[in-house]
Amino acid sequence: MSAAQAVGARARSANTLFNARSAPVAVARPRRRVYIPAMKVKDADILFVPGHMGAGPDHWQTRWQSKLSTGRRVEQADWSNPDRDDWVGALAAAVDAAERPVVLVAHSLGVSTVVHAAAAFGKTVAGAFLVAPPDLADPAIRPKQLTRFAPHPLAALPFASILIASRNDPYCAFAAAEKMADAWGSLLIDAGEAGHINADSGYGPWPEGSMAFARFLSNL
């Protein structure tokens, strides 16, 4: 088939106009411009999901929560001795009690809780901001209570998500975080050498994380 014949064949399957010589010319359909307002804090229930031992007063989760009008924490009955079923149930109940679309902000074992609970949510979750997940498949991981959450589900999450990982996280090698992001369909952000991205690693206020969360929220 000549180049001209190929153009003609493609044009016959699209909307066409004809010039004075009746040569087919493909014309793109005009696209209707749609404006969707960016999500704001007031539009969502922002649920903070801490990890093992919770989030202390200097942790970025606690600091962010105090500044966000619709932010609240998912409380667990036992922060020091985590039980997967209890933690997943508490998170699912908090999501179901929400009055607006939910945005989850999880750290460490809180990320594991989110991915285990994803299929149990009865209300809409607009997105999840996931930070420093532990590698539950690592036999050397401590404390051993974390292994109660193993293995991580590897199905794609049914909502938008970002995963932020550190290059020197003692609980998760960066390569393992990359595999999680691929499995969950999450956008992976490389935080560099940031430890476990918690207060002990020097991440209390964490302004870079706050800016990344604001961008994530505005794109939902």
N, C-alpha and C. Protein backbone atom coordinates (compact mmCIF):
# COMPACT_ATOMS: atom_id res chain seq x y z
N MET A 1 0.85 -1.19 0.00
CA MET A 1 0.00 0.00 0.00
C MET A 1 0.89 1.24 0.00
N SER A 2 0.55 2.21 -0.89
CA SER A 2 1.34 3.44 -0.95
C SER A 2 1.04 4.31 0.26
N ALA A 3 1.87 5.34 0.47
CA ALA A 3 1.66 6.25 1.59
C ALA A 3 0.32 6.95 1.47
N ALA A 4 -0.04 7.34 0.22
CA ALA A 4 -1.32 8.04 0.02
C ALA A 4 -2.49 7.13 0.33
N GLN A 5 -2.37 5.84 -0.06
CA GLN A 5 -3.44 4.89 0.23
C GLN A 5 -3.59 4.65 1.73
N ALA A 6 -2.46 4.64 2.44
CA ALA A 6 -2.50 4.44 3.88
C ALA A 6 -3.21 5.60 4.56
N VAL A 7 -2.93 6.83 4.12
CA VAL A 7 -3.60 7.99 4.68
C VAL A 7 -5.09 7.91 4.42
N GLY A 8 -5.46 7.49 3.21
CA GLY A 8 -6.87 7.36 2.88
C GLY A 8 -7.58 6.33 3.73
N ALA A 9 -6.91 5.20 3.95
CA ALA A 9 -7.51 4.15 4.76
C ALA A 9 -7.75 4.62 6.18
N ARG A 10 -6.78 5.36 6.77
CA ARG A 10 -6.96 5.87 8.12
C ARG A 10 -8.07 6.90 8.16
N ALA A 11 -8.14 7.74 7.14
CA ALA A 11 -9.13 8.81 7.12
C ALA A 11 -10.54 8.26 7.05
N ARG A 12 -10.73 7.12 6.36
CA ARG A 12 -12.08 6.58 6.23
C ARG A 12 -12.64 6.12 7.57
N SER A 13 -11.77 5.86 8.52
CA SER A 13 -12.23 5.42 9.83
C SER A 13 -12.40 6.58 10.80
N ALA A 14 -12.14 7.79 10.36
CA ALA A 14 -12.27 8.97 11.20
C ALA A 14 -13.24 9.94 10.55
N ASN A 15 -13.58 11.02 11.26
CA ASN A 15 -14.36 12.07 10.63
C ASN A 15 -13.49 12.73 9.58
N THR A 16 -14.03 13.00 8.40
CA THR A 16 -13.21 13.59 7.34
C THR A 16 -13.89 14.79 6.73
N LEU A 17 -13.05 15.67 6.19
CA LEU A 17 -13.49 16.76 5.34
C LEU A 17 -12.85 16.53 3.99
N PHE A 18 -13.39 17.13 2.95
CA PHE A 18 -12.83 16.96 1.61
C PHE A 18 -12.47 18.32 1.06
N ASN A 19 -11.29 18.39 0.42
CA ASN A 19 -10.89 19.64 -0.22
C ASN A 19 -11.43 19.65 -1.65
N ALA A 20 -11.05 20.63 -2.41
CA ALA A 20 -11.61 20.80 -3.76
C ALA A 20 -11.30 19.62 -4.66
N ARG A 21 -10.23 18.90 -4.42
CA ARG A 21 -9.87 17.76 -5.25
C ARG A 21 -10.38 16.45 -4.66
N SER A 22 -11.21 16.54 -3.63
CA SER A 22 -11.81 15.36 -2.98
C SER A 22 -10.79 14.43 -2.35
N ALA A 23 -9.64 14.97 -1.96
CA ALA A 23 -8.67 14.14 -1.24
C ALA A 23 -9.06 14.09 0.22
N PRO A 24 -9.13 12.92 0.82
CA PRO A 24 -9.54 12.83 2.21
C PRO A 24 -8.51 13.43 3.15
N VAL A 25 -8.96 14.21 4.12
CA VAL A 25 -8.10 14.82 5.12
C VAL A 25 -8.68 14.48 6.48
N ALA A 26 -7.92 13.82 7.35
CA ALA A 26 -8.42 13.45 8.68
C ALA A 26 -8.54 14.69 9.54
N VAL A 27 -9.63 14.75 10.28
CA VAL A 27 -9.88 15.89 11.16
C VAL A 27 -10.14 15.37 12.56
N ALA A 28 -9.43 15.92 13.53
CA ALA A 28 -9.63 15.50 14.91
C ALA A 28 -10.95 16.05 15.43
N ARG A 29 -11.62 15.26 16.26
CA ARG A 29 -12.84 15.75 16.89
C ARG A 29 -12.48 16.87 17.87
N PRO A 30 -13.26 17.94 17.88
CA PRO A 30 -12.98 19.00 18.86
C PRO A 30 -13.21 18.47 20.27
N ARG A 31 -12.28 18.75 21.16
CA ARG A 31 -12.40 18.26 22.53
C ARG A 31 -13.07 19.31 23.42
N ARG A 32 -14.00 18.83 24.20
CA ARG A 32 -14.67 19.73 25.11
C ARG A 32 -13.78 19.95 26.32
N ARG A 33 -13.54 21.18 26.68
CA ARG A 33 -12.67 21.47 27.81
C ARG A 33 -13.47 21.36 29.10
N VAL A 34 -12.99 20.53 30.00
CA VAL A 34 -13.68 20.32 31.27
C VAL A 34 -12.76 20.77 32.40
N TYR A 35 -13.31 21.58 33.29
CA TYR A 35 -12.54 22.05 34.43
C TYR A 35 -13.02 21.35 35.69
N ILE A 36 -12.10 20.67 36.37
CA ILE A 36 -12.43 19.98 37.61
C ILE A 36 -11.67 20.68 38.73
N PRO A 37 -12.37 21.21 39.73
CA PRO A 37 -11.67 21.92 40.80
C PRO A 37 -10.76 20.99 41.58
N ALA A 38 -9.60 21.50 41.99
CA ALA A 38 -8.67 20.70 42.77
C ALA A 38 -9.24 20.45 44.16
N MET A 39 -8.99 19.26 44.68
CA MET A 39 -9.44 18.95 46.03
C MET A 39 -8.68 19.78 47.04
N LYS A 40 -9.39 20.27 48.04
CA LYS A 40 -8.79 21.04 49.13
C LYS A 40 -9.00 20.29 50.44
N VAL A 41 -8.30 20.74 51.46
CA VAL A 41 -8.39 20.07 52.76
C VAL A 41 -9.84 19.99 53.23
N LYS A 42 -10.59 21.05 53.06
CA LYS A 42 -11.98 21.07 53.54
C LYS A 42 -12.89 20.10 52.78
N ASP A 43 -12.43 19.63 51.63
CA ASP A 43 -13.23 18.72 50.82
C ASP A 43 -13.07 17.26 51.22
N ALA A 44 -12.13 16.96 52.12
CA ALA A 44 -11.80 15.57 52.43
C ALA A 44 -11.69 15.34 53.92
N ASP A 45 -11.92 14.11 54.34
CA ASP A 45 -11.55 13.68 55.68
C ASP A 45 -10.16 13.07 55.56
N ILE A 46 -9.20 13.70 56.19
CA ILE A 46 -7.81 13.26 56.10
C ILE A 46 -7.49 12.41 57.32
N LEU A 47 -7.30 11.13 57.09
CA LEU A 47 -7.07 10.18 58.17
C LEU A 47 -5.59 9.82 58.25
N PHE A 48 -5.00 10.09 59.41
CA PHE A 48 -3.59 9.76 59.64
C PHE A 48 -3.51 8.36 60.23
N VAL A 49 -2.66 7.55 59.62
CA VAL A 49 -2.54 6.14 60.01
C VAL A 49 -1.09 5.89 60.45
N PRO A 50 -0.80 6.04 61.75
CA PRO A 50 0.57 5.83 62.22
C PRO A 50 0.99 4.37 62.21
N GLY A 51 2.27 4.16 62.44
CA GLY A 51 2.81 2.81 62.49
C GLY A 51 3.02 2.32 63.89
N HIS A 52 3.88 1.34 64.05
CA HIS A 52 4.18 0.72 65.35
C HIS A 52 4.59 1.78 66.36
N MET A 53 4.00 1.77 67.52
CA MET A 53 4.21 2.70 68.62
C MET A 53 3.56 4.07 68.39
N GLY A 54 2.80 4.19 67.33
CA GLY A 54 2.09 5.44 67.08
C GLY A 54 3.01 6.55 66.61
N ALA A 55 2.49 7.77 66.62
CA ALA A 55 3.26 8.94 66.19
C ALA A 55 3.33 9.91 67.37
N GLY A 56 4.54 10.16 67.85
CA GLY A 56 4.73 11.04 69.00
C GLY A 56 4.51 12.51 68.65
N PRO A 57 4.66 13.40 69.63
CA PRO A 57 4.38 14.82 69.41
C PRO A 57 5.29 15.49 68.39
N ASP A 58 6.48 14.94 68.17
CA ASP A 58 7.41 15.54 67.21
C ASP A 58 7.30 14.94 65.81
N HIS A 59 6.53 13.90 65.67
CA HIS A 59 6.40 13.22 64.37
C HIS A 59 5.66 14.11 63.39
N TRP A 60 6.05 14.07 62.13
CA TRP A 60 5.40 14.92 61.13
C TRP A 60 3.91 14.64 61.00
N GLN A 61 3.47 13.39 61.24
CA GLN A 61 2.04 13.10 61.18
C GLN A 61 1.27 13.90 62.23
N THR A 62 1.81 13.95 63.45
CA THR A 62 1.17 14.70 64.53
C THR A 62 1.16 16.19 64.22
N ARG A 63 2.26 16.69 63.71
CA ARG A 63 2.34 18.12 63.37
C ARG A 63 1.36 18.48 62.27
N TRP A 64 1.31 17.67 61.23
CA TRP A 64 0.37 17.96 60.13
C TRP A 64 -1.07 17.89 60.62
N GLN A 65 -1.38 16.88 61.41
CA GLN A 65 -2.75 16.71 61.88
C GLN A 65 -3.22 17.95 62.65
N SER A 66 -2.35 18.53 63.45
CA SER A 66 -2.73 19.68 64.26
C SER A 66 -3.03 20.92 63.41
N LYS A 67 -2.53 20.91 62.16
CA LYS A 67 -2.71 22.08 61.29
C LYS A 67 -3.83 21.90 60.26
N LEU A 68 -4.35 20.70 60.13
CA LEU A 68 -5.36 20.44 59.12
C LEU A 68 -6.74 20.33 59.77
N SER A 69 -7.64 21.17 59.34
CA SER A 69 -8.95 21.27 59.98
C SER A 69 -9.75 19.98 59.91
N THR A 70 -9.56 19.19 58.86
CA THR A 70 -10.33 17.95 58.72
C THR A 70 -9.47 16.71 58.99
N GLY A 71 -8.31 16.92 59.60
CA GLY A 71 -7.42 15.80 59.89
C GLY A 71 -7.74 15.14 61.23
N ARG A 72 -7.70 13.83 61.26
CA ARG A 72 -7.85 13.10 62.51
C ARG A 72 -7.08 11.79 62.43
N ARG A 73 -6.78 11.28 63.59
CA ARG A 73 -5.95 10.07 63.67
C ARG A 73 -6.80 8.82 63.80
N VAL A 74 -6.36 7.76 63.15
CA VAL A 74 -6.98 6.45 63.35
C VAL A 74 -6.33 5.85 64.59
N GLU A 75 -7.11 5.75 65.66
CA GLU A 75 -6.57 5.26 66.93
C GLU A 75 -6.62 3.74 66.98
N GLN A 76 -5.56 3.17 67.55
CA GLN A 76 -5.48 1.72 67.73
C GLN A 76 -5.50 1.39 69.22
N ALA A 77 -6.06 0.25 69.56
CA ALA A 77 -6.18 -0.14 70.97
C ALA A 77 -4.81 -0.42 71.58
N ASP A 78 -3.88 -0.92 70.78
CA ASP A 78 -2.57 -1.29 71.30
C ASP A 78 -1.51 -0.92 70.28
N TRP A 79 -0.80 0.17 70.53
CA TRP A 79 0.22 0.62 69.58
C TRP A 79 1.51 -0.20 69.68
N SER A 80 1.78 -0.76 70.85
CA SER A 80 3.06 -1.46 71.05
C SER A 80 3.01 -2.93 70.65
N ASN A 81 1.81 -3.50 70.61
CA ASN A 81 1.66 -4.92 70.27
C ASN A 81 0.62 -5.04 69.16
N PRO A 82 0.98 -4.63 67.94
CA PRO A 82 -0.02 -4.52 66.87
C PRO A 82 -0.59 -5.87 66.43
N ASP A 83 -1.89 -5.88 66.26
CA ASP A 83 -2.59 -7.06 65.74
C ASP A 83 -3.20 -6.66 64.39
N ARG A 84 -2.92 -7.43 63.35
CA ARG A 84 -3.34 -7.03 62.01
C ARG A 84 -4.85 -6.88 61.90
N ASP A 85 -5.60 -7.85 62.40
CA ASP A 85 -7.06 -7.79 62.27
C ASP A 85 -7.63 -6.58 63.01
N ASP A 86 -7.10 -6.29 64.20
CA ASP A 86 -7.58 -5.16 64.98
C ASP A 86 -7.26 -3.84 64.27
N TRP A 87 -6.04 -3.73 63.76
CA TRP A 87 -5.64 -2.48 63.10
C TRP A 87 -6.42 -2.27 61.81
N VAL A 88 -6.58 -3.31 61.05
CA VAL A 88 -7.35 -3.20 59.79
C VAL A 88 -8.80 -2.84 60.09
N GLY A 89 -9.38 -3.48 61.12
CA GLY A 89 -10.76 -3.19 61.48
C GLY A 89 -10.95 -1.76 61.94
N ALA A 90 -10.01 -1.23 62.71
CA ALA A 90 -10.11 0.15 63.18
C ALA A 90 -10.03 1.13 62.03
N LEU A 91 -9.14 0.85 61.07
CA LEU A 91 -9.02 1.73 59.91
C LEU A 91 -10.28 1.67 59.04
N ALA A 92 -10.78 0.48 58.79
CA ALA A 92 -11.99 0.34 57.97
C ALA A 92 -13.17 1.05 58.62
N ALA A 93 -13.28 0.97 59.95
CA ALA A 93 -14.37 1.64 60.65
C ALA A 93 -14.23 3.16 60.55
N ALA A 94 -13.00 3.66 60.64
CA ALA A 94 -12.78 5.10 60.53
C ALA A 94 -13.12 5.61 59.14
N VAL A 95 -12.78 4.84 58.12
CA VAL A 95 -13.12 5.23 56.75
C VAL A 95 -14.63 5.22 56.56
N ASP A 96 -15.30 4.20 57.06
CA ASP A 96 -16.74 4.09 56.88
C ASP A 96 -17.50 5.19 57.64
N ALA A 97 -16.89 5.72 58.70
CA ALA A 97 -17.54 6.78 59.49
C ALA A 97 -17.30 8.17 58.91
N ALA A 98 -16.46 8.27 57.90
CA ALA A 98 -16.12 9.57 57.33
C ALA A 98 -17.33 10.18 56.62
N GLU A 99 -17.39 11.50 56.62
CA GLU A 99 -18.50 12.22 55.98
C GLU A 99 -18.13 12.77 54.61
N ARG A 100 -16.85 12.75 54.29
CA ARG A 100 -16.38 13.25 53.00
C ARG A 100 -15.48 12.19 52.38
N PRO A 101 -15.09 12.38 51.12
CA PRO A 101 -14.09 11.47 50.56
C PRO A 101 -12.85 11.44 51.44
N VAL A 102 -12.26 10.28 51.56
CA VAL A 102 -11.14 10.08 52.49
C VAL A 102 -9.81 10.14 51.77
N VAL A 103 -8.85 10.81 52.41
CA VAL A 103 -7.45 10.77 51.98
C VAL A 103 -6.65 10.21 53.15
N LEU A 104 -5.93 9.13 52.91
CA LEU A 104 -5.16 8.46 53.95
C LEU A 104 -3.71 8.95 53.93
N VAL A 105 -3.16 9.16 55.11
CA VAL A 105 -1.76 9.56 55.25
C VAL A 105 -1.12 8.56 56.20
N ALA A 106 -0.38 7.61 55.65
CA ALA A 106 0.12 6.48 56.43
C ALA A 106 1.64 6.46 56.50
N HIS A 107 2.14 6.00 57.63
CA HIS A 107 3.59 5.86 57.81
C HIS A 107 3.91 4.47 58.34
N SER A 108 4.96 3.87 57.80
CA SER A 108 5.51 2.61 58.28
C SER A 108 4.45 1.50 58.34
N LEU A 109 4.21 0.92 59.51
CA LEU A 109 3.23 -0.17 59.60
C LEU A 109 1.83 0.33 59.27
N GLY A 110 1.61 1.64 59.32
CA GLY A 110 0.35 2.20 58.87
C GLY A 110 0.12 1.96 57.39
N VAL A 111 1.21 1.95 56.61
CA VAL A 111 1.10 1.63 55.18
C VAL A 111 0.63 0.19 55.01
N SER A 112 1.21 -0.71 55.78
CA SER A 112 0.79 -2.11 55.72
C SER A 112 -0.68 -2.25 56.08
N THR A 113 -1.13 -1.47 57.05
CA THR A 113 -2.54 -1.50 57.46
C THR A 113 -3.43 -1.04 56.32
N VAL A 114 -3.02 0.01 55.63
CA VAL A 114 -3.81 0.53 54.51
C VAL A 114 -3.96 -0.51 53.41
N VAL A 115 -2.87 -1.13 53.01
CA VAL A 115 -2.97 -2.07 51.88
C VAL A 115 -3.75 -3.33 52.25
N HIS A 116 -3.71 -3.72 53.54
CA HIS A 116 -4.52 -4.86 53.96
C HIS A 116 -6.00 -4.49 54.02
N ALA A 117 -6.30 -3.24 54.36
CA ALA A 117 -7.69 -2.82 54.55
C ALA A 117 -8.35 -2.34 53.27
N ALA A 118 -7.59 -2.13 52.21
CA ALA A 118 -8.10 -1.49 51.00
C ALA A 118 -9.37 -2.14 50.47
N ALA A 119 -9.42 -3.46 50.50
CA ALA A 119 -10.58 -4.16 49.95
C ALA A 119 -11.80 -4.09 50.87
N ALA A 120 -11.61 -3.65 52.12
CA ALA A 120 -12.70 -3.65 53.09
C ALA A 120 -13.38 -2.29 53.24
N PHE A 121 -12.87 -1.28 52.55
CA PHE A 121 -13.44 0.05 52.70
C PHE A 121 -14.84 0.10 52.09
N GLY A 122 -15.81 0.55 52.86
CA GLY A 122 -17.17 0.65 52.36
C GLY A 122 -17.50 2.01 51.78
N LYS A 123 -16.59 2.96 51.93
CA LYS A 123 -16.81 4.31 51.40
C LYS A 123 -15.63 4.70 50.51
N THR A 124 -15.83 5.77 49.79
CA THR A 124 -14.83 6.18 48.81
C THR A 124 -13.55 6.68 49.47
N VAL A 125 -12.44 6.12 49.05
CA VAL A 125 -11.12 6.63 49.40
C VAL A 125 -10.57 7.31 48.15
N ALA A 126 -10.30 8.59 48.26
CA ALA A 126 -9.83 9.34 47.10
C ALA A 126 -8.36 9.10 46.82
N GLY A 127 -7.58 8.86 47.87
CA GLY A 127 -6.16 8.64 47.64
C GLY A 127 -5.44 8.30 48.93
N ALA A 128 -4.20 7.84 48.78
CA ALA A 128 -3.38 7.47 49.93
C ALA A 128 -1.96 7.98 49.73
N PHE A 129 -1.44 8.62 50.76
CA PHE A 129 -0.09 9.17 50.79
C PHE A 129 0.70 8.23 51.71
N LEU A 130 1.52 7.37 51.12
CA LEU A 130 2.17 6.27 51.83
C LEU A 130 3.65 6.56 52.02
N VAL A 131 4.12 6.47 53.26
CA VAL A 131 5.50 6.87 53.56
C VAL A 131 6.22 5.75 54.32
N ALA A 132 7.39 5.38 53.81
CA ALA A 132 8.31 4.45 54.48
C ALA A 132 7.68 3.13 54.90
N PRO A 133 7.17 2.35 53.95
CA PRO A 133 6.60 1.05 54.32
C PRO A 133 7.69 0.09 54.77
N PRO A 134 7.40 -0.79 55.72
CA PRO A 134 8.39 -1.79 56.12
C PRO A 134 8.40 -2.95 55.13
N ASP A 135 9.56 -3.58 54.99
CA ASP A 135 9.65 -4.77 54.14
C ASP A 135 9.36 -5.99 55.01
N LEU A 136 8.12 -6.42 55.01
CA LEU A 136 7.70 -7.51 55.87
C LEU A 136 8.27 -8.85 55.44
N ALA A 137 8.82 -8.92 54.23
CA ALA A 137 9.41 -10.17 53.73
C ALA A 137 10.86 -10.33 54.19
N ASP A 138 11.42 -9.32 54.82
CA ASP A 138 12.81 -9.38 55.27
C ASP A 138 12.87 -10.18 56.58
N PRO A 139 13.54 -11.33 56.59
CA PRO A 139 13.57 -12.16 57.81
C PRO A 139 14.28 -11.49 58.97
N ALA A 140 15.07 -10.46 58.70
CA ALA A 140 15.81 -9.78 59.77
C ALA A 140 15.03 -8.61 60.37
N ILE A 141 13.82 -8.37 59.90
CA ILE A 141 13.08 -7.20 60.37
C ILE A 141 12.78 -7.30 61.86
N ARG A 142 12.91 -6.18 62.55
CA ARG A 142 12.60 -6.07 63.97
C ARG A 142 11.75 -4.83 64.20
N PRO A 143 10.86 -4.85 65.19
CA PRO A 143 10.52 -5.97 66.06
C PRO A 143 9.72 -7.03 65.31
N LYS A 144 9.72 -8.22 65.85
CA LYS A 144 9.09 -9.35 65.17
C LYS A 144 7.56 -9.21 65.07
N GLN A 145 6.98 -8.30 65.88
CA GLN A 145 5.53 -8.11 65.78
C GLN A 145 5.10 -7.65 64.40
N LEU A 146 6.02 -7.02 63.67
CA LEU A 146 5.69 -6.52 62.34
C LEU A 146 5.33 -7.67 61.39
N THR A 147 5.92 -8.84 61.63
CA THR A 147 5.68 -9.95 60.71
C THR A 147 4.23 -10.45 60.79
N ARG A 148 3.48 -10.02 61.79
CA ARG A 148 2.06 -10.39 61.85
C ARG A 148 1.28 -9.80 60.68
N PHE A 149 1.84 -8.79 60.04
CA PHE A 149 1.18 -8.14 58.92
C PHE A 149 1.64 -8.71 57.57
N ALA A 150 2.56 -9.68 57.63
CA ALA A 150 3.07 -10.28 56.39
C ALA A 150 2.12 -11.36 55.89
N PRO A 151 2.08 -11.55 54.56
CA PRO A 151 2.76 -10.76 53.54
C PRO A 151 1.90 -9.57 53.11
N HIS A 152 2.53 -8.60 52.50
CA HIS A 152 1.77 -7.49 51.94
C HIS A 152 0.93 -7.98 50.75
N PRO A 153 -0.33 -7.54 50.65
CA PRO A 153 -1.07 -7.79 49.40
C PRO A 153 -0.34 -7.10 48.25
N LEU A 154 -0.34 -7.72 47.10
CA LEU A 154 0.37 -7.15 45.95
C LEU A 154 -0.58 -6.78 44.81
N ALA A 155 -1.87 -6.64 45.13
CA ALA A 155 -2.82 -6.19 44.12
C ALA A 155 -2.77 -4.67 44.01
N ALA A 156 -3.11 -4.16 42.82
CA ALA A 156 -3.13 -2.71 42.62
C ALA A 156 -4.17 -2.08 43.54
N LEU A 157 -3.82 -0.97 44.15
CA LEU A 157 -4.77 -0.27 45.03
C LEU A 157 -5.88 0.36 44.20
N PRO A 158 -7.11 0.36 44.73
CA PRO A 158 -8.25 0.89 43.96
C PRO A 158 -8.41 2.40 44.08
N PHE A 159 -7.34 3.10 44.43
CA PHE A 159 -7.38 4.55 44.54
C PHE A 159 -5.98 5.08 44.24
N ALA A 160 -5.90 6.37 43.97
CA ALA A 160 -4.62 7.00 43.66
C ALA A 160 -3.70 6.93 44.87
N SER A 161 -2.41 6.74 44.61
CA SER A 161 -1.48 6.66 45.74
C SER A 161 -0.08 7.11 45.33
N ILE A 162 0.62 7.63 46.33
CA ILE A 162 2.03 7.97 46.21
C ILE A 162 2.77 7.20 47.29
N LEU A 163 3.92 6.66 46.96
CA LEU A 163 4.76 5.98 47.95
C LEU A 163 6.09 6.72 48.02
N ILE A 164 6.44 7.19 49.21
CA ILE A 164 7.71 7.88 49.42
C ILE A 164 8.64 6.94 50.19
N ALA A 165 9.81 6.70 49.63
CA ALA A 165 10.75 5.75 50.22
C ALA A 165 12.13 6.36 50.36
N SER A 166 12.86 5.87 51.36
CA SER A 166 14.20 6.35 51.66
C SER A 166 15.25 5.36 51.16
N ARG A 167 16.40 5.90 50.83
CA ARG A 167 17.50 5.05 50.34
C ARG A 167 18.22 4.29 51.47
N ASN A 168 18.06 4.75 52.72
CA ASN A 168 18.74 4.06 53.82
C ASN A 168 17.78 3.77 54.97
N ASP A 169 16.57 3.39 54.62
CA ASP A 169 15.57 3.03 55.63
C ASP A 169 15.97 1.70 56.27
N PRO A 170 16.15 1.65 57.60
CA PRO A 170 16.55 0.39 58.24
C PRO A 170 15.46 -0.68 58.18
N TYR A 171 14.23 -0.28 57.83
CA TYR A 171 13.13 -1.24 57.79
C TYR A 171 12.78 -1.67 56.37
N CYS A 172 13.43 -1.08 55.38
CA CYS A 172 13.07 -1.44 54.01
C CYS A 172 14.12 -0.96 53.02
N ALA A 173 14.69 -1.88 52.26
CA ALA A 173 15.61 -1.50 51.19
C ALA A 173 14.84 -0.78 50.08
N PHE A 174 15.50 0.14 49.42
CA PHE A 174 14.82 0.92 48.39
C PHE A 174 14.28 0.03 47.27
N ALA A 175 15.02 -1.01 46.92
CA ALA A 175 14.56 -1.93 45.86
C ALA A 175 13.25 -2.60 46.25
N ALA A 176 13.09 -2.93 47.53
CA ALA A 176 11.83 -3.54 47.99
C ALA A 176 10.69 -2.54 47.89
N ALA A 177 10.96 -1.28 48.21
CA ALA A 177 9.93 -0.24 48.09
C ALA A 177 9.53 -0.04 46.63
N GLU A 178 10.50 -0.14 45.73
CA GLU A 178 10.19 -0.03 44.30
C GLU A 178 9.21 -1.13 43.88
N LYS A 179 9.43 -2.35 44.36
CA LYS A 179 8.54 -3.46 44.00
C LYS A 179 7.14 -3.24 44.55
N MET A 180 7.06 -2.70 45.77
CA MET A 180 5.74 -2.41 46.34
C MET A 180 5.01 -1.36 45.51
N ALA A 181 5.71 -0.31 45.15
CA ALA A 181 5.09 0.76 44.35
C ALA A 181 4.58 0.21 43.03
N ASP A 182 5.38 -0.65 42.39
CA ASP A 182 4.95 -1.25 41.12
C ASP A 182 3.70 -2.10 41.32
N ALA A 183 3.68 -2.89 42.38
CA ALA A 183 2.54 -3.79 42.61
C ALA A 183 1.27 -3.01 42.94
N TRP A 184 1.42 -1.95 43.72
CA TRP A 184 0.25 -1.19 44.17
C TRP A 184 -0.19 -0.12 43.17
N GLY A 185 0.61 0.11 42.13
CA GLY A 185 0.28 1.16 41.17
C GLY A 185 0.53 2.54 41.72
N SER A 186 1.48 2.66 42.64
CA SER A 186 1.77 3.94 43.29
C SER A 186 2.88 4.70 42.58
N LEU A 187 2.78 6.00 42.56
CA LEU A 187 3.87 6.84 42.10
C LEU A 187 4.95 6.81 43.16
N LEU A 188 6.17 6.44 42.79
CA LEU A 188 7.26 6.33 43.76
C LEU A 188 8.07 7.63 43.79
N ILE A 189 8.28 8.15 44.99
CA ILE A 189 9.12 9.33 45.18
C ILE A 189 10.33 8.94 46.00
N ASP A 190 11.51 9.24 45.47
CA ASP A 190 12.78 8.92 46.13
C ASP A 190 13.11 10.04 47.11
N ALA A 191 13.13 9.72 48.40
CA ALA A 191 13.41 10.72 49.43
C ALA A 191 14.90 10.85 49.72
N GLY A 192 15.74 10.10 49.00
CA GLY A 192 17.17 10.14 49.29
C GLY A 192 17.48 9.40 50.58
N GLU A 193 18.56 9.76 51.23
CA GLU A 193 18.95 9.11 52.48
C GLU A 193 18.22 9.79 53.63
N ALA A 194 17.04 9.29 53.94
CA ALA A 194 16.16 9.93 54.92
C ALA A 194 15.80 9.02 56.07
N GLY A 195 16.56 7.93 56.25
CA GLY A 195 16.26 7.02 57.34
C GLY A 195 14.84 6.47 57.22
N HIS A 196 14.15 6.41 58.34
CA HIS A 196 12.78 5.89 58.35
C HIS A 196 11.75 7.02 58.20
N ILE A 197 12.22 8.18 57.85
CA ILE A 197 11.37 9.37 57.63
C ILE A 197 10.46 9.58 58.83
N ASN A 198 11.08 9.63 60.00
CA ASN A 198 10.33 9.89 61.24
C ASN A 198 11.10 10.90 62.08
N ALA A 199 10.61 11.18 63.27
CA ALA A 199 11.25 12.18 64.12
C ALA A 199 12.67 11.78 64.49
N ASP A 200 12.91 10.49 64.72
CA ASP A 200 14.25 10.01 65.07
C ASP A 200 15.25 10.24 63.93
N SER A 201 14.73 10.30 62.70
CA SER A 201 15.61 10.54 61.54
C SER A 201 15.71 12.04 61.23
N GLY A 202 15.09 12.88 62.06
CA GLY A 202 15.14 14.31 61.84
C GLY A 202 13.98 14.86 61.03
N TYR A 203 12.95 14.04 60.85
CA TYR A 203 11.80 14.46 60.06
C TYR A 203 10.61 14.71 60.98
N GLY A 204 10.65 15.89 61.61
CA GLY A 204 9.54 16.33 62.44
C GLY A 204 8.61 17.19 61.59
N PRO A 205 8.98 18.45 61.33
CA PRO A 205 8.11 19.28 60.48
C PRO A 205 8.00 18.75 59.05
N TRP A 206 9.11 18.32 58.45
CA TRP A 206 9.19 17.76 57.10
C TRP A 206 8.45 18.62 56.06
N PRO A 207 8.95 19.83 55.79
CA PRO A 207 8.27 20.72 54.83
C PRO A 207 8.22 20.17 53.42
N GLU A 208 9.26 19.42 53.00
CA GLU A 208 9.23 18.84 51.65
C GLU A 208 8.07 17.85 51.51
N GLY A 209 7.85 17.07 52.56
CA GLY A 209 6.73 16.13 52.54
C GLY A 209 5.40 16.86 52.51
N SER A 210 5.32 17.95 53.25
CA SER A 210 4.08 18.73 53.27
C SER A 210 3.76 19.28 51.89
N MET A 211 4.78 19.74 51.17
CA MET A 211 4.56 20.26 49.82
C MET A 211 4.15 19.13 48.87
N ALA A 212 4.78 17.96 49.03
CA ALA A 212 4.41 16.82 48.17
C ALA A 212 2.97 16.41 48.45
N PHE A 213 2.56 16.45 49.71
CA PHE A 213 1.18 16.08 50.04
C PHE A 213 0.20 17.11 49.46
N ALA A 214 0.54 18.38 49.53
CA ALA A 214 -0.34 19.43 48.98
C ALA A 214 -0.52 19.23 47.50
N ARG A 215 0.56 18.89 46.78
CA ARG A 215 0.45 18.64 45.33
C ARG A 215 -0.40 17.41 45.06
N PHE A 216 -0.19 16.37 45.86
CA PHE A 216 -0.97 15.14 45.70
C PHE A 216 -2.46 15.43 45.89
N LEU A 217 -2.78 16.18 46.95
CA LEU A 217 -4.18 16.49 47.24
C LEU A 217 -4.81 17.30 46.11
N SER A 218 -4.06 18.25 45.57
CA SER A 218 -4.61 19.12 44.52
C SER A 218 -4.88 18.36 43.23
N ASN A 219 -4.23 17.21 43.05
CA ASN A 219 -4.43 16.42 41.82
C ASN A 219 -5.50 15.36 41.95
N LEU A 220 -6.10 15.23 43.12
CA LEU A 220 -7.13 14.21 43.31
C LEU A 220 -8.47 14.71 42.75
